[in-house]
Amino acid sequence: MSQSAAIATCRYSPGQLGDVLEFLKRARAELMELRKVRVYRVRVEIFDVNGDHFDVLDIGYPDQDVIELLRSIGTSFKPDFIHQPIDRDYKEFKTGRRFPWAEDRIL
């Protein structure tokens, strides 16, 4: 089964992460619940439960801004290891991560 074309595509420019995050907010309205994300060296593919996806080009796991991008879509990953090179074409992670209430508070 071949992969279908992306529903929407955005290009990342260094220092312009805000534009990509705004694109992600708008594009998520066209998808169902997010299921997984594939992070390549030069692009990120975000999939929903139906297999539809959208792409963010010119950013990948070697880039520092990919951490904020992945957090914005609720990806479960270890930030300490995201930049390490691998032998495969991409790194795949599940989305839908939720944070417990008051996680950022010190009791």
Protein backbone atom coordinates (compact mmCIF):
# COMPACT_ATOMS: atom_id res chain seq x y z
CA MET A 1 0.00 0.00 0.00
CA SER A 2 1.56 3.28 -1.06
CA GLN A 3 1.50 6.40 1.03
CA SER A 4 -0.89 9.13 -0.07
CA ALA A 5 0.12 12.73 -0.69
CA ALA A 6 0.23 15.11 2.25
CA ILE A 7 -2.93 17.10 2.99
CA ALA A 8 -0.82 20.19 3.71
CA THR A 9 2.86 21.12 3.66
CA CYS A 10 4.87 23.83 5.39
CA ARG A 11 8.53 24.83 5.01
CA TYR A 12 10.60 25.56 8.10
CA SER A 13 13.13 28.39 8.04
CA PRO A 14 15.69 28.67 10.88
CA GLY A 15 14.42 31.12 13.47
CA GLN A 16 10.83 30.92 12.17
CA LEU A 17 9.48 28.15 14.41
CA GLY A 18 6.49 30.32 15.34
CA ASP A 19 5.24 30.18 11.75
CA VAL A 20 5.46 26.38 11.76
CA LEU A 21 3.61 26.12 15.08
CA GLU A 22 0.85 28.36 13.69
CA PHE A 23 0.63 26.13 10.60
CA LEU A 24 0.30 23.07 12.84
CA LYS A 25 -2.61 24.65 14.72
CA ARG A 26 -4.49 25.34 11.49
CA ALA A 27 -3.63 22.02 9.81
CA ARG A 28 -4.73 19.91 12.79
CA ALA A 29 -8.31 21.01 12.15
CA GLU A 30 -8.20 19.01 8.89
CA LEU A 31 -7.11 15.77 10.57
CA MET A 32 -8.68 13.37 13.02
CA GLU A 33 -6.90 12.52 16.29
CA LEU A 34 -3.15 12.42 15.77
CA ARG A 35 -1.58 8.96 15.94
CA LYS A 36 2.11 9.10 15.09
CA VAL A 37 4.92 11.25 13.79
CA ARG A 38 7.88 10.30 11.63
CA VAL A 39 10.98 12.45 11.98
CA TYR A 40 13.45 12.27 9.09
CA ARG A 41 16.73 14.18 8.71
CA VAL A 42 15.04 16.93 6.66
CA ARG A 43 11.29 16.61 7.24
CA VAL A 44 8.59 15.67 9.74
CA GLU A 45 5.42 13.75 8.79
CA ILE A 46 2.43 13.90 11.17
CA PHE A 47 -0.26 11.19 10.79
CA ASP A 48 -3.80 10.89 12.11
CA VAL A 49 -5.72 7.69 12.91
CA ASN A 50 -6.95 7.41 9.29
CA GLY A 51 -3.44 7.56 7.82
CA ASP A 52 -3.84 11.09 6.44
CA HIS A 53 -0.82 13.28 7.08
CA PHE A 54 0.78 16.66 6.69
CA ASP A 55 4.47 17.53 6.35
CA VAL A 56 6.88 20.07 7.74
CA LEU A 57 9.86 20.33 5.39
CA ASP A 58 13.44 21.47 6.04
CA ILE A 59 13.47 20.42 9.71
CA GLY A 60 14.47 17.05 11.11
CA TYR A 61 15.93 15.25 14.08
CA PRO A 62 19.35 16.99 13.85
CA ASP A 63 17.70 20.42 14.34
CA GLN A 64 17.28 21.92 17.82
CA ASP A 65 13.79 23.33 17.05
CA VAL A 66 12.39 19.85 16.40
CA ILE A 67 12.01 19.38 20.17
CA GLU A 68 9.51 22.24 20.46
CA LEU A 69 7.71 21.09 17.31
CA LEU A 70 7.27 17.56 18.69
CA ARG A 71 6.11 18.83 22.08
CA SER A 72 3.50 21.04 20.41
CA ILE A 73 1.76 17.97 18.93
CA GLY A 74 1.98 15.85 22.09
CA THR A 75 4.73 13.46 20.99
CA SER A 76 6.18 10.96 23.46
CA PHE A 77 9.96 11.08 23.03
CA LYS A 78 13.19 11.57 24.96
CA PRO A 79 14.65 15.01 24.16
CA ASP A 80 18.13 13.85 25.20
CA PHE A 81 18.22 11.25 22.40
CA ILE A 82 16.26 12.90 19.59
CA HIS A 83 19.34 14.38 17.87
CA GLN A 84 21.33 11.13 17.75
CA PRO A 85 21.77 9.72 14.22
CA ILE A 86 20.26 6.33 13.34
CA ASP A 87 20.69 3.73 10.58
CA ARG A 88 17.07 3.94 9.39
CA ASP A 89 15.41 6.62 7.27
CA TYR A 90 13.27 8.02 10.10
CA LYS A 91 12.41 7.90 13.79
CA GLU A 92 8.77 7.11 14.59
CA PHE A 93 6.96 8.21 17.74
CA LYS A 94 3.41 8.01 19.03
CA THR A 95 1.46 11.19 19.69
CA GLY A 96 -1.25 11.95 22.22
CA ARG A 97 0.96 12.49 25.25
CA ARG A 98 -0.87 14.12 28.14
CA PHE A 99 0.67 15.88 31.11
CA PRO A 100 -0.70 15.40 34.63
CA TRP A 101 -2.44 18.31 36.26
CA ALA A 102 0.01 20.63 38.08
CA GLU A 103 3.06 18.83 36.71
CA ASP A 104 4.99 22.10 36.65
CA ARG A 105 4.20 23.02 40.25
CA ILE A 106 6.43 22.33 43.21
CA LEU A 107 4.56 21.11 46.24
